N, C-alpha and C. Protein backbone atom coordinates (compact mmCIF):
# COMPACT_ATOMS: atom_id res chain seq x y z
N UNK A 1 -20.91 -1.98 2.88
CA UNK A 1 -19.52 -2.32 2.58
C UNK A 1 -18.68 -2.19 3.83
N UNK A 2 -17.84 -3.19 4.07
CA UNK A 2 -16.92 -3.15 5.20
C UNK A 2 -15.50 -2.98 4.68
N UNK A 3 -14.78 -2.03 5.24
CA UNK A 3 -13.42 -1.75 4.79
C UNK A 3 -12.48 -1.75 5.98
N UNK A 4 -11.26 -2.20 5.72
CA UNK A 4 -10.18 -2.19 6.70
C UNK A 4 -9.05 -1.35 6.12
N UNK A 5 -8.62 -0.32 6.85
CA UNK A 5 -7.60 0.59 6.36
C UNK A 5 -6.40 0.56 7.28
N UNK A 6 -5.26 0.13 6.75
CA UNK A 6 -4.01 0.19 7.50
C UNK A 6 -3.37 1.56 7.30
N UNK A 7 -2.86 2.13 8.39
CA UNK A 7 -2.25 3.45 8.30
C UNK A 7 -3.26 4.56 8.23
N UNK A 8 -4.40 4.39 8.90
CA UNK A 8 -5.46 5.39 8.83
C UNK A 8 -5.13 6.65 9.63
N UNK A 9 -3.98 6.66 10.31
CA UNK A 9 -3.57 7.87 11.02
C UNK A 9 -2.66 8.76 10.17
N UNK A 10 -2.27 8.29 8.99
CA UNK A 10 -1.43 9.07 8.08
C UNK A 10 -2.24 9.90 7.12
N UNK A 11 -1.55 10.67 6.29
CA UNK A 11 -2.23 11.59 5.38
C UNK A 11 -3.19 10.92 4.42
N UNK A 12 -2.68 9.96 3.63
CA UNK A 12 -3.54 9.29 2.65
C UNK A 12 -4.51 8.35 3.35
N UNK A 13 -4.03 7.63 4.36
CA UNK A 13 -4.89 6.69 5.06
C UNK A 13 -6.08 7.36 5.71
N UNK A 14 -5.86 8.53 6.32
CA UNK A 14 -6.96 9.29 6.93
C UNK A 14 -7.97 9.71 5.86
N UNK A 15 -7.46 10.18 4.72
CA UNK A 15 -8.34 10.63 3.64
C UNK A 15 -9.15 9.47 3.07
N UNK A 16 -8.51 8.31 2.94
CA UNK A 16 -9.22 7.12 2.45
C UNK A 16 -10.32 6.72 3.42
N UNK A 17 -9.98 6.64 4.71
CA UNK A 17 -10.97 6.25 5.71
C UNK A 17 -12.13 7.24 5.75
N UNK A 18 -11.83 8.54 5.69
CA UNK A 18 -12.89 9.56 5.71
C UNK A 18 -13.78 9.44 4.49
N UNK A 19 -13.17 9.25 3.31
CA UNK A 19 -13.96 9.16 2.08
C UNK A 19 -14.86 7.93 2.10
N UNK A 20 -14.37 6.84 2.64
CA UNK A 20 -15.19 5.63 2.73
C UNK A 20 -16.37 5.84 3.68
N UNK A 21 -16.13 6.52 4.78
CA UNK A 21 -17.23 6.77 5.73
C UNK A 21 -18.28 7.68 5.11
N UNK A 22 -17.85 8.67 4.32
CA UNK A 22 -18.80 9.53 3.62
C UNK A 22 -19.68 8.71 2.69
N UNK A 23 -19.09 7.69 2.12
CA UNK A 23 -19.85 6.80 1.23
C UNK A 23 -20.83 5.90 1.99
N UNK A 24 -20.69 5.86 3.30
CA UNK A 24 -21.55 5.00 4.10
C UNK A 24 -20.94 3.66 4.46
N UNK A 25 -19.65 3.51 4.19
CA UNK A 25 -18.98 2.24 4.50
C UNK A 25 -18.67 2.15 5.99
N UNK A 26 -18.63 0.94 6.48
CA UNK A 26 -18.19 0.67 7.85
C UNK A 26 -16.67 0.48 7.79
N UNK A 27 -15.93 1.34 8.49
CA UNK A 27 -14.48 1.36 8.36
C UNK A 27 -13.82 0.98 9.69
N UNK A 28 -12.88 0.04 9.60
CA UNK A 28 -12.00 -0.29 10.71
C UNK A 28 -10.61 0.19 10.36
N UNK A 29 -10.00 0.97 11.24
CA UNK A 29 -8.66 1.47 10.99
C UNK A 29 -7.65 0.84 11.93
N UNK A 30 -6.47 0.56 11.41
CA UNK A 30 -5.38 0.01 12.22
C UNK A 30 -4.09 0.74 11.87
N UNK A 31 -3.35 1.13 12.90
CA UNK A 31 -2.06 1.79 12.69
C UNK A 31 -1.21 1.59 13.93
N UNK A 32 -0.05 2.22 13.96
CA UNK A 32 0.80 2.15 15.15
C UNK A 32 0.07 2.65 16.39
N UNK A 33 -0.85 3.56 16.19
CA UNK A 33 -1.67 4.08 17.28
C UNK A 33 -2.40 2.95 18.00
N UNK A 34 -2.73 1.91 17.25
CA UNK A 34 -3.45 0.76 17.81
C UNK A 34 -2.52 -0.38 18.18
N UNK A 35 -1.22 -0.14 18.07
CA UNK A 35 -0.26 -1.18 18.40
C UNK A 35 0.18 -2.04 17.24
N UNK A 36 -0.27 -1.70 16.01
CA UNK A 36 0.14 -2.47 14.84
C UNK A 36 1.53 -2.03 14.40
N UNK A 37 2.47 -2.95 14.38
CA UNK A 37 3.84 -2.66 13.94
C UNK A 37 4.20 -3.63 12.82
N UNK A 38 4.26 -3.10 11.60
CA UNK A 38 4.47 -3.96 10.44
C UNK A 38 5.81 -4.67 10.45
N UNK A 39 6.78 -4.14 11.15
CA UNK A 39 8.10 -4.78 11.19
C UNK A 39 8.19 -5.85 12.28
N UNK A 40 7.06 -6.15 12.92
CA UNK A 40 7.01 -7.19 13.95
C UNK A 40 5.93 -8.18 13.55
N UNK A 41 6.34 -9.37 13.13
CA UNK A 41 5.39 -10.36 12.62
C UNK A 41 4.33 -10.73 13.66
N UNK A 42 4.74 -10.84 14.91
CA UNK A 42 3.78 -11.21 15.96
C UNK A 42 2.72 -10.13 16.14
N UNK A 43 3.11 -8.87 15.97
CA UNK A 43 2.16 -7.77 16.07
C UNK A 43 1.11 -7.85 14.97
N UNK A 44 1.55 -8.14 13.75
CA UNK A 44 0.62 -8.24 12.63
C UNK A 44 -0.33 -9.43 12.83
N UNK A 45 0.22 -10.55 13.25
CA UNK A 45 -0.61 -11.74 13.47
C UNK A 45 -1.64 -11.49 14.55
N UNK A 46 -1.24 -10.84 15.64
CA UNK A 46 -2.16 -10.56 16.74
C UNK A 46 -3.27 -9.62 16.32
N UNK A 47 -2.93 -8.61 15.49
CA UNK A 47 -3.93 -7.66 15.02
C UNK A 47 -4.98 -8.34 14.16
N UNK A 48 -4.55 -9.27 13.33
CA UNK A 48 -5.49 -10.02 12.49
C UNK A 48 -6.36 -10.93 13.35
N UNK A 49 -5.75 -11.60 14.31
CA UNK A 49 -6.49 -12.51 15.18
C UNK A 49 -7.55 -11.77 15.98
N UNK A 50 -7.25 -10.52 16.35
CA UNK A 50 -8.19 -9.74 17.15
C UNK A 50 -9.47 -9.40 16.39
N UNK A 51 -9.43 -9.47 15.06
CA UNK A 51 -10.62 -9.16 14.26
C UNK A 51 -11.56 -10.35 14.15
N UNK A 52 -11.12 -11.49 14.66
CA UNK A 52 -11.98 -12.66 14.71
C UNK A 52 -12.49 -13.10 13.36
N UNK A 53 -13.82 -13.27 13.27
CA UNK A 53 -14.41 -13.78 12.02
C UNK A 53 -14.95 -12.66 11.14
N UNK A 54 -14.51 -11.42 11.37
CA UNK A 54 -14.93 -10.33 10.50
C UNK A 54 -14.40 -10.55 9.08
N UNK A 55 -15.18 -10.09 8.10
CA UNK A 55 -14.78 -10.18 6.71
C UNK A 55 -14.97 -8.82 6.05
N UNK A 56 -14.08 -8.52 5.09
CA UNK A 56 -14.04 -7.18 4.52
C UNK A 56 -14.16 -7.22 2.99
N UNK A 57 -14.84 -6.19 2.47
CA UNK A 57 -14.95 -6.03 1.01
C UNK A 57 -13.74 -5.31 0.44
N UNK A 58 -13.11 -4.49 1.28
CA UNK A 58 -11.91 -3.76 0.86
C UNK A 58 -10.91 -3.75 2.01
N UNK A 59 -9.68 -4.15 1.70
CA UNK A 59 -8.56 -4.00 2.63
C UNK A 59 -7.56 -3.09 1.93
N UNK A 60 -7.30 -1.94 2.56
CA UNK A 60 -6.47 -0.90 1.92
C UNK A 60 -5.25 -0.64 2.79
N UNK A 61 -4.07 -0.84 2.21
CA UNK A 61 -2.82 -0.59 2.92
C UNK A 61 -2.26 0.78 2.54
N UNK A 62 -2.29 1.70 3.49
CA UNK A 62 -1.76 3.05 3.25
C UNK A 62 -0.49 3.29 4.07
N UNK A 63 0.15 2.22 4.54
CA UNK A 63 1.37 2.38 5.32
C UNK A 63 2.58 2.60 4.41
N UNK A 64 3.70 2.97 5.01
CA UNK A 64 4.93 3.14 4.24
C UNK A 64 5.69 4.36 4.72
N UNK A 65 6.97 4.40 4.40
CA UNK A 65 7.80 5.53 4.80
C UNK A 65 8.94 5.71 3.82
N UNK A 66 9.27 6.96 3.56
CA UNK A 66 10.41 7.31 2.72
C UNK A 66 11.64 7.57 3.58
N UNK A 67 11.42 8.22 4.72
CA UNK A 67 12.50 8.51 5.67
C UNK A 67 12.27 7.64 6.91
N UNK A 68 13.26 6.83 7.26
CA UNK A 68 13.17 5.94 8.42
C UNK A 68 14.37 6.20 9.32
N UNK A 69 14.09 6.45 10.58
CA UNK A 69 15.16 6.75 11.56
C UNK A 69 16.05 7.90 11.09
N UNK A 70 15.44 8.88 10.47
CA UNK A 70 16.16 10.07 10.03
C UNK A 70 16.97 9.90 8.77
N UNK A 71 16.89 8.73 8.15
CA UNK A 71 17.68 8.47 6.94
C UNK A 71 16.80 8.62 5.71
N UNK A 72 17.09 9.66 4.93
CA UNK A 72 16.33 9.93 3.73
C UNK A 72 16.86 9.16 2.54
N UNK A 73 16.27 9.37 1.37
CA UNK A 73 16.67 8.64 0.17
C UNK A 73 18.08 9.00 -0.30
N UNK A 74 18.80 7.99 -0.75
CA UNK A 74 20.17 8.18 -1.23
C UNK A 74 20.14 8.80 -2.63
N UNK A 75 21.14 9.62 -2.92
CA UNK A 75 21.22 10.22 -4.25
C UNK A 75 21.99 9.33 -5.22
N UNK A 76 22.93 8.53 -4.71
CA UNK A 76 23.73 7.66 -5.58
C UNK A 76 23.98 6.33 -4.88
N UNK A 77 24.43 5.35 -5.65
CA UNK A 77 24.74 4.05 -5.09
C UNK A 77 25.88 4.15 -4.08
N UNK A 78 26.73 5.17 -4.20
CA UNK A 78 27.82 5.35 -3.26
C UNK A 78 27.33 5.73 -1.86
N UNK A 79 26.08 6.11 -1.75
CA UNK A 79 25.51 6.47 -0.45
C UNK A 79 24.70 5.33 0.17
N UNK A 80 24.63 4.20 -0.52
CA UNK A 80 23.82 3.08 -0.03
C UNK A 80 24.36 2.59 1.31
N UNK A 81 23.45 2.32 2.25
CA UNK A 81 23.81 1.88 3.58
C UNK A 81 23.00 0.62 3.91
N UNK A 82 23.67 -0.42 4.37
CA UNK A 82 23.02 -1.71 4.58
C UNK A 82 21.89 -1.62 5.61
N UNK A 83 22.12 -0.94 6.71
CA UNK A 83 21.10 -0.85 7.75
C UNK A 83 19.88 -0.05 7.27
N UNK A 84 20.15 1.03 6.55
CA UNK A 84 19.04 1.85 6.04
C UNK A 84 18.22 1.07 5.02
N UNK A 85 18.89 0.29 4.17
CA UNK A 85 18.17 -0.51 3.19
C UNK A 85 17.36 -1.61 3.87
N UNK A 86 17.92 -2.22 4.90
CA UNK A 86 17.19 -3.27 5.63
C UNK A 86 15.93 -2.70 6.26
N UNK A 87 16.01 -1.48 6.78
CA UNK A 87 14.84 -0.84 7.38
C UNK A 87 13.77 -0.56 6.33
N UNK A 88 14.19 -0.13 5.13
CA UNK A 88 13.24 0.10 4.05
C UNK A 88 12.52 -1.18 3.66
N UNK A 89 13.27 -2.26 3.53
CA UNK A 89 12.66 -3.52 3.14
C UNK A 89 11.73 -4.04 4.23
N UNK A 90 12.14 -3.89 5.50
CA UNK A 90 11.34 -4.40 6.60
C UNK A 90 9.95 -3.77 6.62
N UNK A 91 9.87 -2.48 6.36
CA UNK A 91 8.58 -1.79 6.41
C UNK A 91 7.84 -1.85 5.08
N UNK A 92 8.51 -1.46 4.00
CA UNK A 92 7.82 -1.26 2.72
C UNK A 92 7.65 -2.52 1.89
N UNK A 93 8.32 -3.60 2.25
CA UNK A 93 8.19 -4.85 1.49
C UNK A 93 7.76 -6.00 2.41
N UNK A 94 8.62 -6.38 3.35
CA UNK A 94 8.29 -7.49 4.23
C UNK A 94 7.01 -7.22 5.02
N UNK A 95 6.84 -5.98 5.46
CA UNK A 95 5.63 -5.63 6.20
C UNK A 95 4.37 -5.87 5.39
N UNK A 96 4.42 -5.58 4.11
CA UNK A 96 3.27 -5.80 3.24
C UNK A 96 3.02 -7.30 3.05
N UNK A 97 4.09 -8.08 2.97
CA UNK A 97 3.94 -9.52 2.89
C UNK A 97 3.23 -10.06 4.12
N UNK A 98 3.56 -9.51 5.29
CA UNK A 98 2.91 -9.95 6.52
C UNK A 98 1.43 -9.57 6.53
N UNK A 99 1.11 -8.38 6.02
CA UNK A 99 -0.29 -7.99 5.92
C UNK A 99 -1.05 -8.96 5.03
N UNK A 100 -0.47 -9.31 3.91
CA UNK A 100 -1.12 -10.25 3.00
C UNK A 100 -1.27 -11.63 3.64
N UNK A 101 -0.25 -12.07 4.34
CA UNK A 101 -0.31 -13.39 4.97
C UNK A 101 -1.46 -13.47 5.97
N UNK A 102 -1.55 -12.48 6.84
CA UNK A 102 -2.48 -12.59 7.95
C UNK A 102 -3.86 -11.96 7.70
N UNK A 103 -3.93 -11.01 6.76
CA UNK A 103 -5.21 -10.33 6.57
C UNK A 103 -5.94 -10.71 5.29
N UNK A 104 -5.25 -11.23 4.26
CA UNK A 104 -5.98 -11.62 3.05
C UNK A 104 -7.03 -12.70 3.34
N UNK A 105 -6.85 -13.58 4.34
CA UNK A 105 -7.94 -14.51 4.66
C UNK A 105 -9.20 -13.82 5.18
N UNK A 106 -9.11 -12.52 5.52
CA UNK A 106 -10.27 -11.79 6.00
C UNK A 106 -11.04 -11.11 4.87
N UNK A 107 -10.60 -11.31 3.62
CA UNK A 107 -11.38 -10.82 2.48
C UNK A 107 -12.65 -11.66 2.37
N UNK A 108 -13.76 -10.99 2.06
CA UNK A 108 -15.04 -11.68 2.03
C UNK A 108 -15.03 -12.84 1.02
N UNK A 109 -15.44 -14.01 1.47
CA UNK A 109 -15.39 -15.19 0.62
C UNK A 109 -16.50 -15.17 -0.43
N UNK A 110 -16.17 -15.75 -1.58
CA UNK A 110 -17.15 -15.98 -2.66
C UNK A 110 -17.88 -14.69 -3.07
N UNK A 111 -17.16 -13.59 -3.03
CA UNK A 111 -17.71 -12.30 -3.44
C UNK A 111 -16.55 -11.41 -3.87
N UNK A 112 -16.87 -10.34 -4.58
CA UNK A 112 -15.83 -9.39 -4.97
C UNK A 112 -15.23 -8.76 -3.72
N UNK A 113 -13.92 -8.85 -3.60
CA UNK A 113 -13.20 -8.21 -2.50
C UNK A 113 -11.85 -7.76 -3.02
N UNK A 114 -11.37 -6.63 -2.51
CA UNK A 114 -10.14 -6.02 -3.03
C UNK A 114 -9.13 -5.84 -1.90
N UNK A 115 -7.89 -6.22 -2.17
CA UNK A 115 -6.76 -5.88 -1.31
C UNK A 115 -5.89 -4.94 -2.12
N UNK A 116 -5.84 -3.66 -1.72
CA UNK A 116 -5.08 -2.64 -2.45
C UNK A 116 -3.96 -2.12 -1.56
N UNK A 117 -2.77 -2.04 -2.10
CA UNK A 117 -1.62 -1.56 -1.32
C UNK A 117 -0.95 -0.40 -2.04
N UNK A 118 -0.66 0.66 -1.28
CA UNK A 118 0.03 1.80 -1.88
C UNK A 118 1.48 1.45 -2.16
N UNK A 119 1.84 1.50 -3.42
CA UNK A 119 3.23 1.36 -3.83
C UNK A 119 3.70 2.75 -4.25
N UNK A 120 4.58 2.84 -5.23
CA UNK A 120 5.05 4.13 -5.72
C UNK A 120 5.61 3.94 -7.12
N UNK A 121 5.40 4.94 -7.96
CA UNK A 121 5.93 4.84 -9.32
C UNK A 121 7.44 4.66 -9.31
N UNK A 122 8.14 5.22 -8.31
CA UNK A 122 9.59 5.06 -8.27
C UNK A 122 9.99 3.61 -8.01
N UNK A 123 9.03 2.76 -7.64
CA UNK A 123 9.32 1.34 -7.50
C UNK A 123 9.26 0.59 -8.82
N UNK A 124 8.87 1.27 -9.88
CA UNK A 124 8.83 0.65 -11.20
C UNK A 124 10.25 0.52 -11.76
N UNK A 125 10.65 -0.68 -12.11
CA UNK A 125 11.96 -0.89 -12.74
C UNK A 125 11.96 -0.34 -14.16
N UNK A 126 10.88 -0.60 -14.89
CA UNK A 126 10.81 -0.16 -16.28
C UNK A 126 10.71 1.35 -16.44
N UNK A 127 10.20 2.04 -15.41
CA UNK A 127 9.98 3.47 -15.51
C UNK A 127 11.06 4.28 -14.80
N UNK A 128 12.16 3.62 -14.45
CA UNK A 128 13.24 4.30 -13.73
C UNK A 128 14.21 4.94 -14.72
N UNK A 129 14.10 6.26 -14.85
CA UNK A 129 14.99 6.96 -15.78
C UNK A 129 15.91 7.94 -15.10
N UNK A 130 15.89 7.98 -13.75
CA UNK A 130 16.65 9.00 -13.05
C UNK A 130 17.67 8.45 -12.06
N UNK A 131 17.52 7.22 -11.62
CA UNK A 131 18.42 6.66 -10.62
C UNK A 131 18.15 7.24 -9.24
N UNK A 132 19.08 6.96 -8.32
CA UNK A 132 18.93 7.45 -6.96
C UNK A 132 17.85 6.72 -6.18
N UNK A 133 17.71 7.10 -4.92
CA UNK A 133 16.69 6.54 -4.03
C UNK A 133 16.76 5.01 -4.01
N UNK A 134 17.95 4.49 -3.86
CA UNK A 134 18.20 3.05 -4.02
C UNK A 134 17.31 2.20 -3.12
N UNK A 135 17.37 2.45 -1.81
CA UNK A 135 16.65 1.61 -0.86
C UNK A 135 15.14 1.68 -1.03
N UNK A 136 14.60 2.89 -1.16
CA UNK A 136 13.16 3.06 -1.30
C UNK A 136 12.66 2.46 -2.60
N UNK A 137 13.38 2.74 -3.71
CA UNK A 137 12.99 2.16 -5.00
C UNK A 137 12.98 0.63 -4.92
N UNK A 138 14.05 0.07 -4.35
CA UNK A 138 14.17 -1.39 -4.32
C UNK A 138 13.12 -2.02 -3.43
N UNK A 139 12.82 -1.37 -2.29
CA UNK A 139 11.80 -1.90 -1.38
C UNK A 139 10.42 -1.86 -2.02
N UNK A 140 10.11 -0.80 -2.72
CA UNK A 140 8.82 -0.71 -3.40
C UNK A 140 8.74 -1.69 -4.57
N UNK A 141 9.85 -1.90 -5.27
CA UNK A 141 9.87 -2.90 -6.33
C UNK A 141 9.64 -4.29 -5.74
N UNK A 142 10.23 -4.55 -4.57
CA UNK A 142 10.00 -5.83 -3.89
C UNK A 142 8.54 -5.96 -3.48
N UNK A 143 7.96 -4.86 -2.98
CA UNK A 143 6.54 -4.92 -2.64
C UNK A 143 5.70 -5.26 -3.87
N UNK A 144 6.04 -4.67 -5.00
CA UNK A 144 5.29 -4.96 -6.21
C UNK A 144 5.35 -6.44 -6.57
N UNK A 145 6.52 -7.06 -6.40
CA UNK A 145 6.64 -8.49 -6.68
C UNK A 145 5.82 -9.31 -5.68
N UNK A 146 5.82 -8.88 -4.42
CA UNK A 146 5.02 -9.55 -3.40
C UNK A 146 3.53 -9.48 -3.75
N UNK A 147 3.08 -8.28 -4.14
CA UNK A 147 1.68 -8.10 -4.53
C UNK A 147 1.34 -9.00 -5.72
N UNK A 148 2.21 -8.97 -6.72
CA UNK A 148 1.95 -9.76 -7.93
C UNK A 148 1.89 -11.26 -7.61
N UNK A 149 2.84 -11.72 -6.82
CA UNK A 149 2.90 -13.15 -6.50
C UNK A 149 1.71 -13.57 -5.65
N UNK A 150 1.39 -12.78 -4.64
CA UNK A 150 0.25 -13.11 -3.78
C UNK A 150 -1.06 -13.10 -4.56
N UNK A 151 -1.16 -12.20 -5.53
CA UNK A 151 -2.41 -12.11 -6.30
C UNK A 151 -2.69 -13.40 -7.05
N UNK A 152 -1.65 -14.05 -7.52
CA UNK A 152 -1.83 -15.30 -8.26
C UNK A 152 -2.40 -16.38 -7.35
N UNK A 153 -1.80 -16.52 -6.18
CA UNK A 153 -2.27 -17.52 -5.22
C UNK A 153 -3.69 -17.23 -4.75
N UNK A 154 -3.94 -15.96 -4.39
CA UNK A 154 -5.26 -15.59 -3.88
C UNK A 154 -6.32 -15.74 -4.96
N UNK A 155 -5.98 -15.35 -6.20
CA UNK A 155 -6.93 -15.47 -7.29
C UNK A 155 -7.29 -16.91 -7.62
N UNK A 156 -6.36 -17.81 -7.41
CA UNK A 156 -6.65 -19.23 -7.65
C UNK A 156 -7.68 -19.75 -6.65
N UNK A 157 -7.61 -19.27 -5.42
CA UNK A 157 -8.49 -19.76 -4.36
C UNK A 157 -9.85 -19.07 -4.37
N UNK A 158 -9.85 -17.78 -4.74
CA UNK A 158 -11.08 -17.00 -4.76
C UNK A 158 -11.12 -16.18 -6.04
N UNK A 159 -11.88 -16.64 -7.02
CA UNK A 159 -11.83 -16.02 -8.35
C UNK A 159 -12.37 -14.60 -8.37
N UNK A 160 -13.11 -14.18 -7.33
CA UNK A 160 -13.65 -12.83 -7.30
C UNK A 160 -12.73 -11.85 -6.57
N UNK A 161 -11.62 -12.33 -6.05
CA UNK A 161 -10.73 -11.46 -5.29
C UNK A 161 -9.73 -10.74 -6.19
N UNK A 162 -9.40 -9.51 -5.81
CA UNK A 162 -8.53 -8.66 -6.61
C UNK A 162 -7.45 -8.09 -5.70
N UNK A 163 -6.20 -8.31 -6.06
CA UNK A 163 -5.06 -7.79 -5.29
C UNK A 163 -4.26 -6.88 -6.22
N UNK A 164 -4.07 -5.62 -5.82
CA UNK A 164 -3.42 -4.66 -6.70
C UNK A 164 -2.45 -3.75 -5.94
N UNK A 165 -1.47 -3.24 -6.67
CA UNK A 165 -0.60 -2.18 -6.18
C UNK A 165 -1.07 -0.87 -6.81
N UNK A 166 -1.06 0.21 -6.02
CA UNK A 166 -1.54 1.50 -6.50
C UNK A 166 -0.53 2.60 -6.24
N UNK A 167 -0.33 3.45 -7.22
CA UNK A 167 0.49 4.66 -7.05
C UNK A 167 -0.45 5.82 -6.79
N UNK A 168 -0.33 6.50 -5.64
CA UNK A 168 -1.32 7.52 -5.27
C UNK A 168 -1.09 8.90 -5.86
N UNK A 169 -0.03 9.07 -6.66
CA UNK A 169 0.36 10.39 -7.10
C UNK A 169 1.33 10.99 -6.09
N UNK A 170 1.85 12.17 -6.38
CA UNK A 170 2.70 12.87 -5.41
C UNK A 170 1.77 13.68 -4.52
N UNK A 171 1.53 13.14 -3.34
CA UNK A 171 0.50 13.67 -2.46
C UNK A 171 1.11 14.59 -1.41
N UNK A 172 0.40 15.63 -1.07
CA UNK A 172 0.88 16.62 -0.09
C UNK A 172 0.78 16.05 1.33
N UNK A 173 1.79 15.28 1.72
CA UNK A 173 1.84 14.68 3.05
C UNK A 173 3.22 14.91 3.65
N UNK A 174 3.37 14.49 4.89
CA UNK A 174 4.67 14.62 5.56
C UNK A 174 5.73 13.81 4.82
N UNK A 175 5.33 12.70 4.20
CA UNK A 175 6.29 11.85 3.49
C UNK A 175 6.97 12.59 2.34
N UNK A 176 6.21 13.43 1.64
CA UNK A 176 6.75 14.07 0.43
C UNK A 176 7.17 15.52 0.65
N UNK A 177 6.96 16.06 1.84
CA UNK A 177 7.12 17.50 2.06
C UNK A 177 8.48 18.04 1.59
N UNK A 178 9.55 17.30 1.87
CA UNK A 178 10.89 17.79 1.55
C UNK A 178 11.38 17.36 0.17
N UNK A 179 10.53 16.64 -0.61
CA UNK A 179 11.02 16.08 -1.87
C UNK A 179 10.11 16.37 -3.06
N UNK A 180 9.02 17.09 -2.83
CA UNK A 180 8.03 17.26 -3.89
C UNK A 180 8.08 18.62 -4.56
N UNK A 181 9.12 19.42 -4.31
CA UNK A 181 9.14 20.77 -4.84
C UNK A 181 9.24 20.82 -6.36
N UNK A 182 9.74 19.77 -6.97
CA UNK A 182 9.90 19.77 -8.44
C UNK A 182 8.78 19.03 -9.16
N UNK A 183 7.77 18.59 -8.41
CA UNK A 183 6.71 17.80 -9.01
C UNK A 183 5.35 18.38 -8.63
N UNK A 184 4.39 18.31 -9.55
CA UNK A 184 3.03 18.76 -9.19
C UNK A 184 2.44 17.82 -8.14
N UNK A 185 1.83 18.39 -7.13
CA UNK A 185 1.27 17.59 -6.05
C UNK A 185 -0.25 17.67 -6.05
N UNK A 186 -0.86 16.71 -5.35
CA UNK A 186 -2.31 16.71 -5.18
C UNK A 186 -2.61 16.56 -3.69
N UNK A 187 -3.77 17.01 -3.28
CA UNK A 187 -4.17 16.91 -1.88
C UNK A 187 -4.53 15.46 -1.55
N UNK A 188 -4.36 15.07 -0.29
CA UNK A 188 -4.74 13.70 0.10
C UNK A 188 -6.18 13.37 -0.25
N UNK A 189 -7.08 14.33 -0.09
CA UNK A 189 -8.49 14.07 -0.38
C UNK A 189 -8.71 13.79 -1.87
N UNK A 190 -7.97 14.50 -2.72
CA UNK A 190 -8.10 14.26 -4.17
C UNK A 190 -7.56 12.89 -4.52
N UNK A 191 -6.41 12.53 -3.94
CA UNK A 191 -5.83 11.22 -4.19
C UNK A 191 -6.76 10.12 -3.71
N UNK A 192 -7.33 10.28 -2.52
CA UNK A 192 -8.21 9.26 -1.96
C UNK A 192 -9.43 9.03 -2.84
N UNK A 193 -10.06 10.12 -3.27
CA UNK A 193 -11.23 9.97 -4.14
C UNK A 193 -10.87 9.26 -5.43
N UNK A 194 -9.72 9.66 -6.03
CA UNK A 194 -9.31 9.06 -7.29
C UNK A 194 -8.99 7.57 -7.11
N UNK A 195 -8.28 7.23 -6.03
CA UNK A 195 -7.93 5.83 -5.78
C UNK A 195 -9.17 4.97 -5.57
N UNK A 196 -10.14 5.49 -4.83
CA UNK A 196 -11.37 4.74 -4.62
C UNK A 196 -12.15 4.58 -5.92
N UNK A 197 -12.10 5.58 -6.78
CA UNK A 197 -12.73 5.45 -8.10
C UNK A 197 -12.05 4.35 -8.91
N UNK A 198 -10.71 4.30 -8.83
CA UNK A 198 -9.99 3.23 -9.53
C UNK A 198 -10.40 1.87 -8.98
N UNK A 199 -10.45 1.75 -7.67
CA UNK A 199 -10.83 0.48 -7.04
C UNK A 199 -12.24 0.08 -7.45
N UNK A 200 -13.16 1.06 -7.52
CA UNK A 200 -14.54 0.76 -7.92
C UNK A 200 -14.59 0.11 -9.30
N UNK A 201 -13.67 0.50 -10.17
CA UNK A 201 -13.69 0.00 -11.55
C UNK A 201 -12.94 -1.29 -11.78
N UNK A 202 -12.30 -1.83 -10.74
CA UNK A 202 -11.52 -3.05 -10.91
C UNK A 202 -12.41 -4.28 -11.06
N UNK A 203 -11.98 -5.20 -11.89
CA UNK A 203 -12.63 -6.50 -12.02
C UNK A 203 -11.58 -7.58 -11.77
N UNK A 204 -12.00 -8.83 -11.63
CA UNK A 204 -11.01 -9.89 -11.43
C UNK A 204 -9.93 -9.96 -12.51
N UNK A 205 -10.21 -9.43 -13.69
CA UNK A 205 -9.19 -9.40 -14.74
C UNK A 205 -8.04 -8.47 -14.39
N UNK A 206 -8.27 -7.55 -13.44
CA UNK A 206 -7.24 -6.61 -13.02
C UNK A 206 -6.42 -7.14 -11.85
N UNK A 207 -6.73 -8.33 -11.40
CA UNK A 207 -5.98 -8.92 -10.29
C UNK A 207 -4.49 -8.99 -10.63
N UNK A 208 -3.65 -8.53 -9.71
CA UNK A 208 -2.21 -8.60 -9.92
C UNK A 208 -1.64 -7.49 -10.77
N UNK A 209 -2.35 -6.35 -10.87
CA UNK A 209 -1.85 -5.25 -11.69
C UNK A 209 -1.35 -4.09 -10.81
N UNK A 210 -0.68 -3.16 -11.46
CA UNK A 210 -0.11 -1.97 -10.82
C UNK A 210 -0.67 -0.77 -11.57
N UNK A 211 -1.42 0.08 -10.87
CA UNK A 211 -2.08 1.21 -11.51
C UNK A 211 -1.81 2.50 -10.75
N UNK A 212 -1.89 3.62 -11.48
CA UNK A 212 -1.74 4.90 -10.81
C UNK A 212 -3.11 5.43 -10.41
N UNK A 213 -3.11 6.62 -9.80
CA UNK A 213 -4.35 7.17 -9.26
C UNK A 213 -5.34 7.58 -10.33
N UNK A 214 -4.89 7.62 -11.57
CA UNK A 214 -5.80 7.90 -12.69
C UNK A 214 -6.33 6.62 -13.34
N UNK A 215 -5.87 5.48 -12.83
CA UNK A 215 -6.31 4.21 -13.37
C UNK A 215 -5.44 3.65 -14.47
N UNK A 216 -4.35 4.37 -14.81
CA UNK A 216 -3.47 3.92 -15.89
C UNK A 216 -2.49 2.86 -15.39
N UNK A 217 -2.21 1.85 -16.21
CA UNK A 217 -1.22 0.84 -15.80
C UNK A 217 0.17 1.46 -15.64
N UNK A 218 0.90 0.96 -14.65
CA UNK A 218 2.29 1.38 -14.43
C UNK A 218 3.18 0.19 -14.71
N UNK A 219 4.29 0.44 -15.42
CA UNK A 219 5.23 -0.64 -15.70
C UNK A 219 5.76 -1.25 -14.40
N UNK A 220 5.96 -2.56 -14.44
CA UNK A 220 6.61 -3.19 -13.28
C UNK A 220 8.08 -2.81 -13.25
């Protein structure tokens, strides 16, 4: 099995890459460390071009950020800031669209292949009962729509391909350190194992779905 992991230098991405290698998979990792910048379209295109004719059974996106340029999540709509929201969308939504544009053609043809992207339950519109976190919620909701829309196109061209959004749980990483005190957390290694188990169980009928780390569907 050949896997490509975006954000393999982060908490969840590192755990995913390590777990795949333990399984015996051949793993290629890409992150800012390698010059990949999701907010720069030319950077994403160049990174895909550098992989040449390689094809992957799993492409896993573990990139994303809650705090960008020191700006954390807003508590109310009165705190919404245009520049902060634009930065959230550039990384957590548009960046994922660029990954899909340039890297989904590297999914193995005429065989089961999965493109999985980490979203977040707070990006669910139907499951939003608390408010707040305007920019991050909206950017993740936009990512979910991008995933859903791309899955339809990709599934039409390759019936064995599966494109999904995944919620990893509240994972003990730098992203959640200052915001997870009221929620039960799980270790990156536990999340990675659970997410890979979910991916193992996916079939083409699951193309275009949003699931949590336990495999349960999440409302859009």
